[in-house]
C-alpha atoms as a PDB file:
ATOM      1  CA  MET A   1      -6.717  31.036   3.536  1.00  0.00           C
ATOM      2  CA  ALA A   2      -5.313  30.623   0.023  1.00  0.00           C
ATOM      3  CA  LEU A   3      -7.479  27.522  -0.432  1.00  0.00           C
ATOM      4  CA  ILE A   4     -10.615  29.310   0.760  1.00  0.00           C
ATOM      5  CA  ALA A   5      -9.953  32.201  -1.634  1.00  0.00           C
ATOM      6  CA  ALA A   6      -9.228  29.767  -4.473  1.00  0.00           C
ATOM      7  CA  ASP A   7     -12.456  27.833  -3.905  1.00  0.00           C
ATOM      8  CA  LEU A   8     -14.527  31.017  -3.722  1.00  0.00           C
ATOM      9  CA  LEU A   9     -12.982  32.340  -6.926  1.00  0.00           C
ATOM     10  CA  LEU A  10     -13.578  29.028  -8.699  1.00  0.00           C
ATOM     11  CA  ALA A  11     -17.186  28.938  -7.458  1.00  0.00           C
ATOM     12  CA  ARG A  12     -18.079  32.507  -8.416  1.00  0.00           C
ATOM     13  CA  GLY A  13     -15.500  33.502 -11.023  1.00  0.00           C
ATOM     14  CA  GLN A  14     -17.214  35.003 -14.030  1.00  0.00           C
ATOM     15  CA  SER A  15     -14.107  35.545 -16.143  1.00  0.00           C
ATOM     16  CA  LEU A  16     -11.180  33.547 -17.384  1.00  0.00           C
ATOM     17  CA  PHE A  17      -8.891  35.746 -15.263  1.00  0.00           C
ATOM     18  CA  ALA A  18     -10.831  34.855 -12.086  1.00  0.00           C
ATOM     19  CA  VAL A  19     -10.624  31.143 -12.892  1.00  0.00           C
ATOM     20  CA  PHE A  20      -6.865  31.333 -13.536  1.00  0.00           C
ATOM     21  CA  LEU A  21      -6.387  33.338 -10.343  1.00  0.00           C
ATOM     22  CA  GLY A  22      -8.324  30.631  -8.467  1.00  0.00           C
ATOM     23  CA  ILE A  23      -6.088  27.963  -9.981  1.00  0.00           C
ATOM     24  CA  ALA A  24      -2.975  29.967  -9.033  1.00  0.00           C
ATOM     25  CA  LEU A  25      -4.199  30.333  -5.442  1.00  0.00           C
ATOM     26  CA  TRP A  26      -4.918  26.599  -5.277  1.00  0.00           C
ATOM     27  CA  GLY A  27      -1.346  25.952  -6.460  1.00  0.00           C
ATOM     28  CA  LEU A  28      -0.035  28.392  -3.849  1.00  0.00           C
ATOM     29  CA  HIS A  29      -1.951  26.482  -1.176  1.00  0.00           C
ATOM     30  CA  MET A  30      -0.407  23.204  -2.344  1.00  0.00           C
ATOM     31  CA  GLY A  31       3.073  24.712  -2.321  1.00  0.00           C
ATOM     32  CA  LEU A  32       2.591  26.102   1.179  1.00  0.00           C
ATOM     33  CA  THR A  33       1.235  22.904   2.719  1.00  0.00           C
ATOM     34  CA  GLN A  34       2.746  19.804   1.116  1.00  0.00           C
ATOM     35  CA  GLY A  35       6.304  20.353   2.305  1.00  0.00           C
ATOM     36  CA  VAL A  36       5.120  21.206   5.814  1.00  0.00           C
ATOM     37  CA  LEU A  37       3.070  18.020   6.038  1.00  0.00           C
ATOM     38  CA  SER A  38       6.019  15.907   4.930  1.00  0.00           C
ATOM     39  CA  ALA A  39       8.281  17.639   7.449  1.00  0.00           C
ATOM     40  CA  LEU A  40       5.747  16.953  10.217  1.00  0.00           C
ATOM     41  CA  VAL A  41       5.661  13.252   9.342  1.00  0.00           C
ATOM     42  CA  ALA A  42       9.463  13.079   9.261  1.00  0.00           C
ATOM     43  CA  GLN A  43       9.745  14.888  12.605  1.00  0.00           C
ATOM     44  CA  ALA A  44       7.055  12.868  14.387  1.00  0.00           C
ATOM     45  CA  ALA A  45       8.163   9.398  13.302  1.00  0.00           C
ATOM     46  CA  PRO A  46      11.068   7.539  14.900  1.00  0.00           C
ATOM     47  CA  SER A  47      13.889   7.134  12.380  1.00  0.00           C
ATOM     48  CA  ARG A  48      13.454   3.343  12.180  1.00  0.00           C
ATOM     49  CA  LEU A  49       9.750   3.756  11.270  1.00  0.00           C
ATOM     50  CA  ARG A  50      10.024   6.791   9.007  1.00  0.00           C
ATOM     51  CA  GLY A  51       9.312   4.844   5.816  1.00  0.00           C
ATOM     52  CA  THR A  52       6.280   3.213   7.391  1.00  0.00           C
ATOM     53  CA  ALA A  53       5.081   6.601   8.633  1.00  0.00           C
ATOM     54  CA  PHE A  54       5.256   8.039   5.123  1.00  0.00           C
ATOM     55  CA  GLY A  55       3.422   4.984   3.793  1.00  0.00           C
ATOM     56  CA  VAL A  56       0.631   5.368   6.337  1.00  0.00           C
ATOM     57  CA  PHE A  57       0.507   9.120   5.635  1.00  0.00           C
ATOM     58  CA  GLY A  58       0.145   8.401   1.913  1.00  0.00           C
ATOM     59  CA  LEU A  59      -2.568   5.809   2.565  1.00  0.00           C
ATOM     60  CA  VAL A  60      -4.581   8.083   4.838  1.00  0.00           C
ATOM     61  CA  THR A  61      -4.307  11.120   2.571  1.00  0.00           C
ATOM     62  CA  GLY A  62      -5.187   8.980  -0.452  1.00  0.00           C
ATOM     63  CA  LEU A  63      -8.299   7.596   1.264  1.00  0.00           C
ATOM     64  CA  ALA A  64      -9.305  11.107   2.350  1.00  0.00           C
ATOM     65  CA  ALA A  65      -8.828  12.338  -1.221  1.00  0.00           C
ATOM     66  CA  LEU A  66     -10.994   9.480  -2.512  1.00  0.00           C
ATOM     67  CA  VAL A  67     -13.818  10.312  -0.095  1.00  0.00           C
ATOM     68  CA  ALA A  68     -13.508  14.038  -0.888  1.00  0.00           C
ATOM     69  CA  SER A  69     -13.561  13.343  -4.623  1.00  0.00           C
ATOM     70  CA  VAL A  70     -16.678  11.194  -4.376  1.00  0.00           C
ATOM     71  CA  LEU A  71     -18.410  13.899  -2.319  1.00  0.00           C
ATOM     72  CA  ALA A  72     -17.282  16.552  -4.806  1.00  0.00           C
ATOM     73  CA  GLY A  73     -18.644  14.491  -7.685  1.00  0.00           C
ATOM     74  CA  VAL A  74     -21.997  14.003  -5.962  1.00  0.00           C
ATOM     75  CA  LEU A  75     -22.261  17.731  -5.262  1.00  0.00           C
ATOM     76  CA  TRP A  76     -21.224  18.595  -8.839  1.00  0.00           C
ATOM     77  CA  GLU A  77     -23.819  16.253 -10.365  1.00  0.00           C
ATOM     78  CA  THR A  78     -26.720  16.921  -7.992  1.00  0.00           C
ATOM     79  CA  ILE A  79     -26.388  20.642  -7.191  1.00  0.00           C
ATOM     80  CA  GLY A  80     -23.821  22.053  -9.593  1.00  0.00           C
ATOM     81  CA  PRO A  81     -20.148  22.952  -9.932  1.00  0.00           C
ATOM     82  CA  ALA A  82     -20.326  25.999  -7.644  1.00  0.00           C
ATOM     83  CA  ALA A  83     -21.605  23.832  -4.769  1.00  0.00           C
ATOM     84  CA  THR A  84     -18.474  21.715  -5.003  1.00  0.00           C
ATOM     85  CA  PHE A  85     -16.204  24.738  -4.538  1.00  0.00           C
ATOM     86  CA  PHE A  86     -18.400  26.305  -1.847  1.00  0.00           C
ATOM     87  CA  ALA A  87     -18.227  23.024   0.088  1.00  0.00           C
ATOM     88  CA  GLY A  88     -14.445  23.011  -0.316  1.00  0.00           C
ATOM     89  CA  ALA A  89     -14.251  26.562   1.018  1.00  0.00           C
ATOM     90  CA  GLY A  90     -16.512  25.578   3.917  1.00  0.00           C
ATOM     91  CA  PHE A  91     -14.398  22.564   4.856  1.00  0.00           C
ATOM     92  CA  ALA A  92     -11.224  24.652   4.577  1.00  0.00           C
ATOM     93  CA  GLY A  93     -12.793  27.310   6.796  1.00  0.00           C
ATOM     94  CA  LEU A  94     -13.762  24.720   9.405  1.00  0.00           C
ATOM     95  CA  SER A  95     -10.232  23.347   9.306  1.00  0.00           C
ATOM     96  CA  LEU A  96      -8.818  26.826   9.838  1.00  0.00           C
ATOM     97  CA  ILE A  97     -11.090  27.375  12.841  1.00  0.00           C
ATOM     98  CA  ALA A  98     -10.076  24.001  14.315  1.00  0.00           C
ATOM     99  CA  PHE A  99      -6.399  24.789  13.749  1.00  0.00           C
ATOM    100  CA  LEU A 100      -6.703  28.162  15.466  1.00  0.00           C
ATOM    101  CA  ALA A 101      -8.431  26.500  18.430  1.00  0.00           C
ATOM    102  CA  ILE A 102      -5.488  24.173  19.131  1.00  0.00           C
ATOM    103  CA  PRO A 103      -3.595  25.362  22.211  1.00  0.00           C
ATOM    104  CA  ARG A 104       0.022  26.350  21.494  1.00  0.00           C
ATOM    105  CA  LYS A 105       3.083  25.848  23.669  1.00  0.00           C
ATOM    106  CA  LEU A 106       5.374  28.843  23.992  1.00  0.00           C
ATOM    107  CA  GLY A 107       9.095  28.331  23.547  1.00  0.00           C
ATOM    108  CA  ALA A 108      11.105  25.631  21.839  1.00  0.00           C
ATOM    109  CA  SER A 109      10.080  22.017  22.247  1.00  0.00           C
ATOM    110  CA  GLY A 110      12.703  19.518  23.249  1.00  0.00           C
END
């Protein structure tokens, strides 16, 4: 939700304060997610393949970032800067909905 709020502030912010608040929320999002993603990779990979798992994770996230950056650039140039951030908020919202739709197991996993 921090990323959605950040994107909306960056899309519609009319003041320097709003822009800096959007940047701070984006940084909060990064701080809340990056460590969790790394922990998930470390937990899911067998110890003998952990390095490979992190390499694949880096490759996949890098390719996704490349595609997202190209799309952001196209939106920025063809529609305008606000469209880029609205699209980011939309994708983040869709991701949140998909995450909430994943069934959860109760209790500790073994």
